[in-house]
Amino acid sequence: MSDQSFPGDRPMESDRPHPERVTRRDLAEGNAEKVVNERTEQVLLFKGGGGVNVANLRDMIDEAKLLSTAGPMIPPWLQGNVGGMFGVCMKAHELGISALTLAGWTYIVENKGEKRVAYESQFFHAIVEQRAPITTRLNVEYEGEGDDRRCRVYATFKGEREPRYFPPRSADPGQFTLGKLRPARNEYGKVKGSPLWDLKPDLQLFYNMSRDWARMYCPDIIGGMYGRDEMEDAGFVVASETAKDISPRLAERLRGNAPAIGQAAVATLDAYANEHAAKSQKKVPSDAVSDEA
């Protein structure tokens, strides 16, 4: 049966109820029901290496908002931190992996008040295996015992016949021993870097050589991303004792004191997405984070 009503009998667009605005309390308390909106059901999942198949900037912002409410599924520094989660989503999209997986490989390091994101050693090995243009997975060989233990990784690029080695065969082997590469110990006798240096040194050596192999032969796949030991060499330390406070407490948020990685970042991202939305696309009411409680 055809619709016999007149346009004046139907509610105008402005008369229809708008979705509830997402507040900083919703993000801090992990209120996922408030974060999702009418676009959520239209987003496809698991494209390529996994994760969310976002079609535009607005979709990625929505993904970041939702994932920031995932609680213990993500590191403390990302809980309620939409700006930080947006950066993770962007990087995951570039690498073709799940944002949730990438988030689990990150943590905060700091140096004199400056905070940076560092990545676990396993991350670099995984990215090399996935993105480097090599014919097979990285090969590994070991020699020596104790502090003289050494590891060499190698692989052959597509279109080449000879493998590329790290450390190079011409390098001084004494510069790449376990005793030389293992970080110093703290006042309690624990190694400052990954505990794998003590628990599974062969595995940690493999992770480090895999990362350095990529730095030498295909730096484009891990550019701008650094491991814990690399950041410590630059004077940074892991902010484990303060990581849970990276996202401001709810009381501070409600007073409007959240840093740029929180409320200001969300407002900026929302404004940018709205400004650059396709003119032919039907506008959706902004759901930017507000000061409402």
Protein backbone atom coordinates (compact mmCIF):
# COMPACT_ATOMS: atom_id res chain seq x y z
CA MET A 1 0.00 0.00 0.00
CA SER A 2 1.41 3.38 -0.97
CA ASP A 3 2.04 6.12 1.54
CA GLN A 4 -0.94 8.51 1.33
CA SER A 5 0.28 10.91 4.00
CA PHE A 6 1.42 14.41 3.22
CA PRO A 7 4.92 15.66 4.05
CA GLY A 8 3.45 17.84 6.77
CA ASP A 9 2.05 14.74 8.50
CA ARG A 10 5.53 13.22 8.95
CA PRO A 11 8.05 14.48 11.49
CA MET A 12 10.67 16.77 10.05
CA GLU A 13 14.34 15.83 10.39
CA SER A 14 14.78 18.38 13.17
CA ASP A 15 11.78 16.90 15.05
CA ARG A 16 13.27 13.43 15.25
CA PRO A 17 15.04 12.52 18.48
CA HIS A 18 18.80 12.91 18.33
CA PRO A 19 21.06 10.20 19.78
CA GLU A 20 22.27 10.86 23.29
CA ARG A 21 25.56 12.72 23.42
CA VAL A 22 28.58 10.80 24.63
CA THR A 23 30.11 12.28 27.76
CA ARG A 24 33.51 11.89 29.33
CA ARG A 25 31.82 9.96 32.13
CA ASP A 26 30.65 7.40 29.55
CA LEU A 27 34.22 6.95 28.30
CA ALA A 28 35.71 6.77 31.79
CA GLU A 29 33.12 4.22 32.93
CA GLY A 30 33.25 2.14 29.74
CA ASN A 31 29.64 2.81 28.81
CA ALA A 32 29.76 1.20 25.35
CA GLU A 33 25.98 1.42 24.88
CA LYS A 34 26.23 5.21 24.78
CA VAL A 35 29.20 5.21 22.41
CA VAL A 36 27.63 3.23 19.56
CA ASN A 37 25.32 5.01 17.14
CA GLU A 38 23.26 4.40 14.03
CA ARG A 39 26.40 4.06 11.90
CA THR A 40 27.81 1.20 13.97
CA GLU A 41 25.77 -1.53 12.30
CA GLN A 42 27.02 -0.39 8.89
CA VAL A 43 30.72 -0.93 9.65
CA LEU A 44 32.22 -4.12 8.22
CA LEU A 45 34.64 -6.21 10.27
CA PHE A 46 37.76 -8.23 9.58
CA LYS A 47 39.13 -6.84 6.36
CA GLY A 48 42.60 -7.99 5.37
CA GLY A 49 44.66 -8.58 8.50
CA GLY A 50 41.68 -8.18 10.79
CA GLY A 51 39.99 -5.42 12.72
CA VAL A 52 37.41 -2.95 11.48
CA ASN A 53 36.92 -2.02 7.84
CA VAL A 54 36.50 1.73 8.19
CA ALA A 55 35.28 3.68 5.18
CA ASN A 56 36.14 7.20 6.34
CA LEU A 57 37.51 9.31 9.14
CA ARG A 58 34.18 9.39 10.96
CA ASP A 59 34.11 5.59 11.14
CA MET A 60 37.62 5.53 12.58
CA ILE A 61 36.68 8.09 15.23
CA ASP A 62 33.71 5.92 16.21
CA GLU A 63 36.00 2.88 16.37
CA ALA A 64 38.39 4.75 18.65
CA LYS A 65 35.56 5.87 20.93
CA LEU A 66 34.20 2.36 21.27
CA LEU A 67 37.56 0.66 21.79
CA SER A 68 38.52 3.22 24.44
CA THR A 69 35.73 1.73 26.59
CA ALA A 70 37.13 -1.82 26.32
CA GLY A 71 38.50 -1.77 29.87
CA PRO A 72 41.13 -4.46 30.62
CA MET A 73 41.16 -5.50 26.96
CA ILE A 74 43.46 -2.50 26.34
CA PRO A 75 46.41 -1.07 28.32
CA PRO A 76 45.60 1.39 31.13
CA TRP A 77 46.94 4.38 29.20
CA LEU A 78 44.32 3.83 26.47
CA GLN A 79 41.33 3.31 28.75
CA GLY A 80 39.06 6.30 28.18
CA ASN A 81 41.75 7.93 26.02
CA VAL A 82 40.00 8.46 22.67
CA GLY A 83 42.83 10.52 21.18
CA GLY A 84 45.41 7.86 21.97
CA MET A 85 43.11 5.11 20.74
CA PHE A 86 42.55 7.04 17.52
CA GLY A 87 46.31 7.08 16.93
CA VAL A 88 46.45 3.33 17.50
CA CYS A 89 43.57 2.80 15.06
CA MET A 90 45.34 4.90 12.43
CA LYS A 91 48.58 2.97 12.82
CA ALA A 92 46.76 -0.38 12.80
CA HIS A 93 44.98 0.62 9.60
CA GLU A 94 48.32 1.48 7.99
CA LEU A 95 49.82 -1.85 9.05
CA GLY A 96 46.77 -3.96 8.20
CA ILE A 97 46.35 -5.44 11.68
CA SER A 98 43.71 -5.30 14.39
CA ALA A 99 43.74 -2.12 16.48
CA LEU A 100 42.98 -4.23 19.54
CA THR A 101 46.06 -6.37 18.86
CA LEU A 102 48.29 -3.36 18.29
CA ALA A 103 47.01 -1.68 21.46
CA GLY A 104 48.12 -4.69 23.48
CA TRP A 105 51.69 -4.24 22.25
CA THR A 106 52.00 -0.63 23.42
CA TYR A 107 52.97 1.04 26.66
CA ILE A 108 54.13 4.43 27.87
CA VAL A 109 57.71 5.52 28.48
CA GLU A 110 58.73 8.93 29.76
CA ASN A 111 61.76 11.15 30.13
CA LYS A 112 61.65 14.35 32.19
CA GLY A 113 57.91 14.70 31.72
CA GLU A 114 57.90 13.81 28.01
CA LYS A 115 55.76 10.76 27.31
CA ARG A 116 56.10 8.53 24.26
CA VAL A 117 54.63 5.24 23.09
CA ALA A 118 56.93 2.22 22.92
CA TYR A 119 56.22 -1.24 21.51
CA GLU A 120 56.91 -4.75 22.72
CA SER A 121 59.64 -6.72 20.97
CA GLN A 122 57.12 -9.24 19.67
CA PHE A 123 55.41 -6.49 17.69
CA PHE A 124 58.45 -5.90 15.48
CA HIS A 125 58.88 -9.56 14.67
CA ALA A 126 55.19 -9.87 13.77
CA ILE A 127 55.28 -6.83 11.47
CA VAL A 128 58.44 -8.03 9.72
CA GLU A 129 56.86 -11.41 9.02
CA GLN A 130 53.68 -9.80 7.72
CA ARG A 131 54.94 -6.86 5.69
CA ALA A 132 58.55 -7.40 4.63
CA PRO A 133 58.80 -8.53 0.97
CA ILE A 134 60.60 -11.78 1.79
CA THR A 135 60.21 -15.22 0.27
CA THR A 136 59.92 -17.10 3.58
CA ARG A 137 59.75 -16.34 7.26
CA LEU A 138 62.89 -15.09 8.97
CA ASN A 139 65.47 -17.81 9.56
CA VAL A 140 67.55 -17.88 12.72
CA GLU A 141 70.81 -19.46 13.84
CA TYR A 142 72.52 -19.43 17.25
CA GLU A 143 76.06 -19.99 18.44
CA GLY A 144 77.97 -19.63 21.69
CA GLU A 145 76.89 -20.18 25.29
CA GLY A 146 76.11 -18.00 28.29
CA ASP A 147 76.95 -14.33 27.86
CA ASP A 148 78.71 -15.21 24.59
CA ARG A 149 75.45 -16.44 23.05
CA ARG A 150 74.78 -14.85 19.66
CA CYS A 151 71.84 -14.85 17.27
CA ARG A 152 71.75 -14.12 13.53
CA VAL A 153 68.58 -13.78 11.45
CA TYR A 154 68.35 -13.81 7.68
CA ALA A 155 65.85 -13.86 4.85
CA THR A 156 65.81 -13.47 1.08
CA PHE A 157 63.92 -10.66 -0.59
CA LYS A 158 61.60 -11.47 -3.43
CA GLY A 159 63.48 -11.15 -6.70
CA GLU A 160 66.86 -11.81 -5.06
CA ARG A 161 68.88 -14.98 -4.61
CA GLU A 162 71.17 -14.19 -1.70
CA PRO A 163 69.79 -13.76 1.83
CA ARG A 164 70.30 -10.60 3.87
CA TYR A 165 71.82 -11.16 7.31
CA PHE A 166 71.70 -9.34 10.60
CA PRO A 167 74.16 -8.97 12.10
CA PRO A 168 75.99 -8.78 8.76
CA ARG A 169 78.63 -11.48 8.36
CA SER A 170 81.30 -8.78 8.25
CA ALA A 171 80.28 -7.34 11.64
CA ASP A 172 82.29 -7.88 14.81
CA PRO A 173 80.52 -10.82 16.51
CA GLY A 174 81.56 -9.54 19.92
CA GLN A 175 79.20 -6.57 19.55
CA PHE A 176 76.11 -8.77 19.38
CA THR A 177 76.50 -11.20 22.28
CA LEU A 178 73.90 -11.72 24.98
CA GLY A 179 76.20 -10.11 27.53
CA LYS A 180 76.66 -7.06 25.32
CA LEU A 181 73.01 -6.56 24.38
CA ARG A 182 71.27 -7.39 27.65
CA PRO A 183 70.27 -4.18 29.51
CA ALA A 184 71.70 -3.32 32.91
CA ARG A 185 69.99 -4.42 36.11
CA ASN A 186 68.19 -2.21 38.58
CA GLU A 187 68.84 -1.92 42.31
CA TYR A 188 66.81 -5.08 42.90
CA GLY A 189 68.87 -7.16 40.49
CA LYS A 190 66.18 -7.32 37.79
CA VAL A 191 67.03 -6.58 34.19
CA LYS A 192 65.67 -3.18 33.17
CA GLY A 193 64.31 -4.36 29.84
CA SER A 194 62.14 -7.33 29.00
CA PRO A 195 62.20 -10.20 31.53
CA LEU A 196 62.81 -12.49 28.55
CA TRP A 197 66.47 -11.48 28.71
CA ASP A 198 66.68 -13.72 31.79
CA LEU A 199 63.81 -16.15 31.25
CA LYS A 200 64.15 -16.88 27.51
CA PRO A 201 67.28 -15.18 26.21
CA ASP A 202 67.23 -16.97 22.84
CA LEU A 203 63.73 -15.65 22.16
CA GLN A 204 64.65 -12.11 23.18
CA LEU A 205 67.76 -12.20 21.00
CA PHE A 206 65.60 -13.33 18.08
CA TYR A 207 63.13 -10.48 18.65
CA ASN A 208 65.92 -7.91 18.80
CA MET A 209 67.74 -9.19 15.72
CA SER A 210 64.44 -9.33 13.80
CA ARG A 211 63.77 -5.68 14.59
CA ASP A 212 67.31 -4.64 13.70
CA TRP A 213 67.15 -6.67 10.49
CA ALA A 214 64.11 -4.60 9.47
CA ARG A 215 65.77 -1.34 10.54
CA MET A 216 68.68 -2.14 8.24
CA TYR A 217 66.94 -3.59 5.19
CA CYS A 218 63.35 -2.31 5.12
CA PRO A 219 62.97 0.60 7.58
CA ASP A 220 59.78 1.76 5.90
CA ILE A 221 57.70 -0.92 7.61
CA ILE A 222 58.63 0.05 11.18
CA GLY A 223 59.49 3.71 10.76
CA GLY A 224 58.71 5.88 13.78
CA MET A 225 58.12 2.91 16.09
CA TYR A 226 60.64 2.01 18.77
CA GLY A 227 61.08 -0.75 21.30
CA ARG A 228 61.57 -0.50 25.01
CA ASP A 229 65.35 -0.89 24.94
CA GLU A 230 65.68 1.69 22.15
CA MET A 231 63.70 4.22 24.17
CA GLU A 232 65.69 3.44 27.32
CA ASP A 233 68.90 4.06 25.38
CA ALA A 234 67.45 7.51 24.62
CA GLY A 235 66.90 8.22 28.32
CA PHE A 236 63.27 7.10 28.67
CA VAL A 237 61.94 4.78 31.37
CA VAL A 238 58.78 2.71 31.47
CA ALA A 239 56.02 4.62 33.23
CA SER A 240 54.59 1.49 34.83
CA GLU A 241 54.02 3.14 38.17
CA THR A 242 52.06 6.01 36.59
CA ALA A 243 50.53 4.34 33.53
CA LYS A 244 47.15 3.95 35.21
CA ASP A 245 47.03 7.73 35.69
CA ILE A 246 47.78 8.68 32.08
CA SER A 247 44.04 9.11 31.47
CA PRO A 248 42.79 11.77 33.92
CA ARG A 249 40.51 10.81 36.75
CA LEU A 250 36.80 11.30 36.30
CA ALA A 251 36.71 14.24 38.71
CA GLU A 252 39.35 16.06 36.67
CA ARG A 253 37.46 15.31 33.47
CA LEU A 254 34.24 16.73 34.86
CA ARG A 255 36.10 19.91 35.81
CA GLY A 256 37.20 20.20 32.20
CA ASN A 257 40.90 19.63 32.87
CA ALA A 258 41.44 16.65 30.56
CA PRO A 259 44.60 17.01 28.43
CA ALA A 260 44.72 17.18 24.66
CA ILE A 261 44.76 13.40 24.31
CA GLY A 262 41.25 13.36 25.80
CA GLN A 263 38.46 15.87 25.34
CA ALA A 264 40.24 18.38 23.07
CA ALA A 265 41.40 15.63 20.73
CA VAL A 266 37.90 14.21 20.38
CA ALA A 267 36.39 17.62 19.71
CA THR A 268 39.04 18.38 17.09
CA LEU A 269 38.61 15.03 15.37
CA ASP A 270 34.84 15.35 15.30
CA ALA A 271 35.03 18.87 13.89
CA TYR A 272 37.47 17.78 11.20
CA ALA A 273 35.34 14.81 10.21
CA ASN A 274 32.18 16.92 9.98
CA GLU A 275 33.94 19.61 7.96
CA HIS A 276 35.28 17.11 5.42
CA ALA A 277 32.19 14.93 5.15
CA ALA A 278 30.90 14.40 1.61
CA LYS A 279 28.36 17.10 0.77
CA SER A 280 26.01 14.54 -0.71
CA GLN A 281 26.10 12.45 2.43
CA LYS A 282 23.26 12.84 4.88
CA LYS A 283 24.52 14.70 7.93
CA VAL A 284 24.50 12.87 11.23
CA PRO A 285 24.18 14.82 14.51
CA SER A 286 27.58 15.22 16.11
CA ASP A 287 28.26 12.86 19.00
CA ALA A 288 31.43 14.56 20.14
CA VAL A 289 32.38 14.20 23.77
CA SER A 290 30.79 16.92 25.89
CA ASP A 291 31.01 18.13 29.46
CA GLU A 292 27.63 16.66 30.32
CA ALA A 293 27.53 14.25 33.25
